[in-house]
Amino acid sequence: MTHRPFRLNPVRLVGAGLWLAAAAVAAHAMAASRDGAVDETARTAAAVMAVDQHWSDAETDGDTAWLEQMLLPEYRSVSNKGVATPKAGIVAHAAKNRGLDKDKQKQMVEAWRKAHPSESKVVLHGDTAIITFYDPAQGPQLGVRSVDVFIHEGGRWHALYSQHSGFGGG
């Protein structure tokens, strides 16, 4: 997968609040209409998986506005080499995908997924969700490729942390 500094200026806080409220309403409407199915704001495993899929799509499509609101300011993605990429790095990488051939991008993602089949497991505990992606041949105990940690805050799921292993090219 896979994945925004804002200065607090008193004059802009009211405008920012209105923008965030409008964005939340639009995002909620978008979530309800995505694939006609899962409400991404629900506190369910299905909602967390829908947010994770939306995240993948947003990175592929260069939807930096959605990524900005979904990734918490403290978000970090740690590679299998131990290198941490902050939220700003994920957003910057996604921005490079904006305007590229979406069909070609999606084909590349699908080719990678086909070469690296994965299954996932969601664990919910209060306002925290952990998705573990693993090699189905090895199972969730031996073949973990990556883990995403989400927090339900402000009525929606936000990514806080991701950890990737070197297992199976993940």
C-alpha atoms as a PDB file:
ATOM      1  CA  MET A   1       0.000   0.000   0.000  1.00  0.00           C
ATOM      2  CA  THR A   2       0.331   0.371   1.267  1.00  0.00           C
ATOM      3  CA  HIS A   3       0.589   5.790   2.126  1.00  0.00           C
ATOM      4  CA  ARG A   4       0.542  18.861   6.242  1.00  0.00           C
ATOM      5  CA  PRO A   5       1.563  21.308   8.548  1.00  0.00           C
ATOM      6  CA  PHE A   6      -1.128  23.838   9.449  1.00  0.00           C
ATOM      7  CA  ARG A   7      -0.236  26.970  11.373  1.00  0.00           C
ATOM      8  CA  LEU A   8      -2.811  28.152  13.877  1.00  0.00           C
ATOM      9  CA  ASN A   9      -3.637  31.697  12.827  1.00  0.00           C
ATOM     10  CA  PRO A  10      -6.592  33.136  14.785  1.00  0.00           C
ATOM     11  CA  VAL A  11      -7.884  34.958  11.707  1.00  0.00           C
ATOM     12  CA  ARG A  12      -7.930  31.751   9.690  1.00  0.00           C
ATOM     13  CA  LEU A  13      -9.323  29.441  12.371  1.00  0.00           C
ATOM     14  CA  VAL A  14     -12.954  30.283  11.570  1.00  0.00           C
ATOM     15  CA  GLY A  15     -12.398  29.742   7.847  1.00  0.00           C
ATOM     16  CA  ALA A  16     -10.480  26.545   8.516  1.00  0.00           C
ATOM     17  CA  GLY A  17     -13.272  25.296  10.759  1.00  0.00           C
ATOM     18  CA  LEU A  18     -15.858  25.931   8.066  1.00  0.00           C
ATOM     19  CA  TRP A  19     -13.629  24.266   5.464  1.00  0.00           C
ATOM     20  CA  LEU A  20     -13.102  21.231   7.700  1.00  0.00           C
ATOM     21  CA  ALA A  21     -16.840  20.925   8.349  1.00  0.00           C
ATOM     22  CA  ALA A  22     -17.577  21.092   4.614  1.00  0.00           C
ATOM     23  CA  ALA A  23     -14.795  18.596   3.902  1.00  0.00           C
ATOM     24  CA  ALA A  24     -16.167  16.210   6.532  1.00  0.00           C
ATOM     25  CA  VAL A  25     -19.652  16.360   5.030  1.00  0.00           C
ATOM     26  CA  ALA A  26     -18.265  15.843   1.518  1.00  0.00           C
ATOM     27  CA  ALA A  27     -16.024  13.003   2.667  1.00  0.00           C
ATOM     28  CA  HIS A  28     -18.927  11.334   4.440  1.00  0.00           C
ATOM     29  CA  ALA A  29     -21.073  11.588   1.317  1.00  0.00           C
ATOM     30  CA  MET A  30     -18.195  10.214  -0.744  1.00  0.00           C
ATOM     31  CA  ALA A  31     -17.679   7.360   1.710  1.00  0.00           C
ATOM     32  CA  ALA A  32     -21.327   6.407   1.539  1.00  0.00           C
ATOM     33  CA  SER A  33     -21.254   6.379  -2.241  1.00  0.00           C
ATOM     34  CA  ARG A  34     -17.926   4.536  -2.730  1.00  0.00           C
ATOM     35  CA  ASP A  35     -18.797   1.194  -4.213  1.00  0.00           C
ATOM     36  CA  GLY A  36     -22.290   1.772  -2.808  1.00  0.00           C
ATOM     37  CA  ALA A  37     -21.375   0.068   0.406  1.00  0.00           C
ATOM     38  CA  VAL A  38     -19.487   0.730   3.591  1.00  0.00           C
ATOM     39  CA  ASP A  39     -19.777   3.828   5.759  1.00  0.00           C
ATOM     40  CA  GLU A  40     -16.111   4.671   6.372  1.00  0.00           C
ATOM     41  CA  THR A  41     -17.006   6.461   9.608  1.00  0.00           C
ATOM     42  CA  ALA A  42     -18.496   3.375  11.307  1.00  0.00           C
ATOM     43  CA  ARG A  43     -16.578   1.703  14.124  1.00  0.00           C
ATOM     44  CA  THR A  44     -16.414  -1.625  12.322  1.00  0.00           C
ATOM     45  CA  ALA A  45     -13.749  -3.801  10.742  1.00  0.00           C
ATOM     46  CA  ALA A  46     -15.431  -3.308   7.360  1.00  0.00           C
ATOM     47  CA  ALA A  47     -15.180   0.481   7.735  1.00  0.00           C
ATOM     48  CA  VAL A  48     -11.480   0.293   8.586  1.00  0.00           C
ATOM     49  CA  MET A  49     -10.843  -1.900   5.546  1.00  0.00           C
ATOM     50  CA  ALA A  50     -12.829   0.540   3.379  1.00  0.00           C
ATOM     51  CA  VAL A  51     -10.702   3.441   4.662  1.00  0.00           C
ATOM     52  CA  ASP A  52      -7.549   1.452   3.947  1.00  0.00           C
ATOM     53  CA  GLN A  53      -8.735   0.781   0.377  1.00  0.00           C
ATOM     54  CA  HIS A  54      -9.652   4.459  -0.013  1.00  0.00           C
ATOM     55  CA  TRP A  55      -6.121   5.275   1.210  1.00  0.00           C
ATOM     56  CA  SER A  56      -4.588   3.070  -1.471  1.00  0.00           C
ATOM     57  CA  ASP A  57      -6.787   4.673  -4.127  1.00  0.00           C
ATOM     58  CA  ALA A  58      -5.968   8.180  -2.861  1.00  0.00           C
ATOM     59  CA  GLU A  59      -2.221   7.546  -3.085  1.00  0.00           C
ATOM     60  CA  THR A  60      -2.560   6.047  -6.570  1.00  0.00           C
ATOM     61  CA  ASP A  61      -4.806   8.889  -7.777  1.00  0.00           C
ATOM     62  CA  GLY A  62      -2.918  11.711  -6.051  1.00  0.00           C
ATOM     63  CA  ASP A  63      -5.857  12.679  -3.824  1.00  0.00           C
ATOM     64  CA  THR A  64      -3.763  14.670  -1.369  1.00  0.00           C
ATOM     65  CA  ALA A  65      -6.749  16.464   0.193  1.00  0.00           C
ATOM     66  CA  TRP A  66      -8.210  13.150   1.349  1.00  0.00           C
ATOM     67  CA  LEU A  67      -4.821  11.953   2.596  1.00  0.00           C
ATOM     68  CA  GLU A  68      -4.301  15.215   4.521  1.00  0.00           C
ATOM     69  CA  GLN A  69      -7.452  14.646   6.573  1.00  0.00           C
ATOM     70  CA  MET A  70      -7.034  10.888   7.002  1.00  0.00           C
ATOM     71  CA  LEU A  71      -3.388  10.766   8.118  1.00  0.00           C
ATOM     72  CA  LEU A  72      -2.846  12.107  11.624  1.00  0.00           C
ATOM     73  CA  PRO A  73      -0.152  14.786  12.012  1.00  0.00           C
ATOM     74  CA  GLU A  74       2.010  12.271  13.907  1.00  0.00           C
ATOM     75  CA  TYR A  75       1.644   9.576  11.229  1.00  0.00           C
ATOM     76  CA  ARG A  76       4.779   7.589  10.369  1.00  0.00           C
ATOM     77  CA  SER A  77       5.356   4.760   7.923  1.00  0.00           C
ATOM     78  CA  VAL A  78       8.366   2.635   8.807  1.00  0.00           C
ATOM     79  CA  SER A  79       9.945   0.681   5.956  1.00  0.00           C
ATOM     80  CA  ASN A  80      11.452  -2.783   6.156  1.00  0.00           C
ATOM     81  CA  LYS A  81      14.836  -1.008   6.391  1.00  0.00           C
ATOM     82  CA  GLY A  82      13.758   0.898   9.503  1.00  0.00           C
ATOM     83  CA  VAL A  83      13.390   4.238   7.708  1.00  0.00           C
ATOM     84  CA  ALA A  84      10.450   6.385   8.849  1.00  0.00           C
ATOM     85  CA  THR A  85       8.483   8.465   6.356  1.00  0.00           C
ATOM     86  CA  PRO A  86       6.271  11.148   7.915  1.00  0.00           C
ATOM     87  CA  LYS A  87       2.843  12.214   6.738  1.00  0.00           C
ATOM     88  CA  ALA A  88       4.312  14.979   4.551  1.00  0.00           C
ATOM     89  CA  GLY A  89       6.379  12.412   2.639  1.00  0.00           C
ATOM     90  CA  ILE A  90       3.352  10.227   1.938  1.00  0.00           C
ATOM     91  CA  VAL A  91       1.342  13.220   0.725  1.00  0.00           C
ATOM     92  CA  ALA A  92       4.220  14.494  -1.441  1.00  0.00           C
ATOM     93  CA  HIS A  93       4.619  11.066  -3.030  1.00  0.00           C
ATOM     94  CA  ALA A  94       0.882  10.894  -3.769  1.00  0.00           C
ATOM     95  CA  ALA A  95       0.977  14.381  -5.308  1.00  0.00           C
ATOM     96  CA  LYS A  96       3.440  13.054  -7.898  1.00  0.00           C
ATOM     97  CA  ASN A  97       0.769  10.570  -9.030  1.00  0.00           C
ATOM     98  CA  ARG A  98      -1.779  13.313  -9.725  1.00  0.00           C
ATOM     99  CA  GLY A  99      -2.368  13.645 -13.438  1.00  0.00           C
ATOM    100  CA  LEU A 100      -0.680  10.361 -14.345  1.00  0.00           C
ATOM    101  CA  ASP A 101      -2.522   7.750 -16.382  1.00  0.00           C
ATOM    102  CA  LYS A 102      -4.875   6.341 -13.713  1.00  0.00           C
ATOM    103  CA  ASP A 103      -5.505   3.129 -15.637  1.00  0.00           C
ATOM    104  CA  LYS A 104      -1.771   2.483 -15.924  1.00  0.00           C
ATOM    105  CA  GLN A 105      -1.275   3.266 -12.213  1.00  0.00           C
ATOM    106  CA  LYS A 106      -4.073   0.899 -11.211  1.00  0.00           C
ATOM    107  CA  GLN A 107      -2.684  -1.825 -13.503  1.00  0.00           C
ATOM    108  CA  MET A 108       0.717  -1.496 -11.803  1.00  0.00           C
ATOM    109  CA  VAL A 109      -0.885  -1.782  -8.357  1.00  0.00           C
ATOM    110  CA  GLU A 110      -2.946  -4.795  -9.432  1.00  0.00           C
ATOM    111  CA  ALA A 111       0.127  -6.487 -10.960  1.00  0.00           C
ATOM    112  CA  TRP A 112       1.994  -6.035  -7.667  1.00  0.00           C
ATOM    113  CA  ARG A 113      -0.973  -7.399  -5.689  1.00  0.00           C
ATOM    114  CA  LYS A 114      -1.224 -10.409  -8.005  1.00  0.00           C
ATOM    115  CA  ALA A 115       2.496 -11.145  -7.544  1.00  0.00           C
ATOM    116  CA  HIS A 116       2.194 -10.659  -3.760  1.00  0.00           C
ATOM    117  CA  PRO A 117      -1.156 -12.115  -2.686  1.00  0.00           C
ATOM    118  CA  SER A 118      -2.209 -10.930   0.747  1.00  0.00           C
ATOM    119  CA  GLU A 119      -4.954 -11.448   3.214  1.00  0.00           C
ATOM    120  CA  SER A 120      -5.794  -9.150   6.068  1.00  0.00           C
ATOM    121  CA  LYS A 121      -7.066  -9.284   9.596  1.00  0.00           C
ATOM    122  CA  VAL A 122      -8.556  -6.388  11.558  1.00  0.00           C
ATOM    123  CA  VAL A 123      -8.446  -6.143  15.332  1.00  0.00           C
ATOM    124  CA  LEU A 124     -10.661  -3.501  16.942  1.00  0.00           C
ATOM    125  CA  HIS A 125     -10.157  -2.314  20.505  1.00  0.00           C
ATOM    126  CA  GLY A 126     -12.128   0.760  21.523  1.00  0.00           C
ATOM    127  CA  ASP A 127     -11.084   3.613  19.255  1.00  0.00           C
ATOM    128  CA  THR A 128      -8.092   1.715  17.867  1.00  0.00           C
ATOM    129  CA  ALA A 129      -7.945  -0.594  14.861  1.00  0.00           C
ATOM    130  CA  ILE A 130      -4.985  -2.616  13.645  1.00  0.00           C
ATOM    131  CA  ILE A 131      -4.927  -4.165  10.179  1.00  0.00           C
ATOM    132  CA  THR A 132      -2.377  -6.904   9.601  1.00  0.00           C
ATOM    133  CA  PHE A 133      -1.594  -7.827   5.988  1.00  0.00           C
ATOM    134  CA  TYR A 134      -0.008 -11.243   5.530  1.00  0.00           C
ATOM    135  CA  ASP A 135       0.964 -13.899   3.030  1.00  0.00           C
ATOM    136  CA  PRO A 136      -1.946 -16.361   2.939  1.00  0.00           C
ATOM    137  CA  ALA A 137       0.446 -19.303   2.487  1.00  0.00           C
ATOM    138  CA  GLN A 138       2.260 -18.420   5.736  1.00  0.00           C
ATOM    139  CA  GLY A 139      -0.637 -17.037   7.745  1.00  0.00           C
ATOM    140  CA  PRO A 140      -0.856 -14.085  10.129  1.00  0.00           C
ATOM    141  CA  GLN A 141       1.676 -15.526  12.579  1.00  0.00           C
ATOM    142  CA  LEU A 142       4.544 -16.156  10.156  1.00  0.00           C
ATOM    143  CA  GLY A 143       3.958 -14.132   7.005  1.00  0.00           C
ATOM    144  CA  VAL A 144       3.234 -10.551   8.108  1.00  0.00           C
ATOM    145  CA  ARG A 145       3.942  -8.031   5.349  1.00  0.00           C
ATOM    146  CA  SER A 146       2.668  -4.863   6.992  1.00  0.00           C
ATOM    147  CA  VAL A 147       0.548  -3.425   9.761  1.00  0.00           C
ATOM    148  CA  ASP A 148      -1.533  -0.225   9.773  1.00  0.00           C
ATOM    149  CA  VAL A 149      -2.769   1.359  13.014  1.00  0.00           C
ATOM    150  CA  PHE A 150      -5.880   3.561  12.941  1.00  0.00           C
ATOM    151  CA  ILE A 151      -7.523   5.755  15.573  1.00  0.00           C
ATOM    152  CA  HIS A 152     -11.230   6.688  15.473  1.00  0.00           C
ATOM    153  CA  GLU A 153     -11.230  10.386  16.252  1.00  0.00           C
ATOM    154  CA  GLY A 154     -13.571  13.204  15.317  1.00  0.00           C
ATOM    155  CA  GLY A 155     -16.102  10.740  13.946  1.00  0.00           C
ATOM    156  CA  ARG A 156     -13.797   8.992  11.468  1.00  0.00           C
ATOM    157  CA  TRP A 157     -10.816   6.689  11.138  1.00  0.00           C
ATOM    158  CA  HIS A 158      -7.324   8.208  10.876  1.00  0.00           C
ATOM    159  CA  ALA A 159      -4.030   6.418  10.252  1.00  0.00           C
ATOM    160  CA  LEU A 160      -1.426   6.848  12.987  1.00  0.00           C
ATOM    161  CA  TYR A 161       1.303   4.357  12.119  1.00  0.00           C
ATOM    162  CA  SER A 162       2.368   1.759   9.545  1.00  0.00           C
ATOM    163  CA  GLN A 163       5.137  -0.826   9.796  1.00  0.00           C
ATOM    164  CA  HIS A 164       6.366  -2.862   6.834  1.00  0.00           C
ATOM    165  CA  SER A 165       8.403  -6.051   6.901  1.00  0.00           C
ATOM    166  CA  GLY A 166      10.693  -7.452   4.231  1.00  0.00           C
ATOM    167  CA  PHE A 167       8.596 -10.593   4.064  1.00  0.00           C
ATOM    168  CA  GLY A 168       7.399 -11.456   0.571  1.00  0.00           C
ATOM    169  CA  GLY A 169       8.313  -8.110  -0.932  1.00  0.00           C
ATOM    170  CA  GLY A 170       5.995  -6.183   1.418  1.00  0.00           C
END
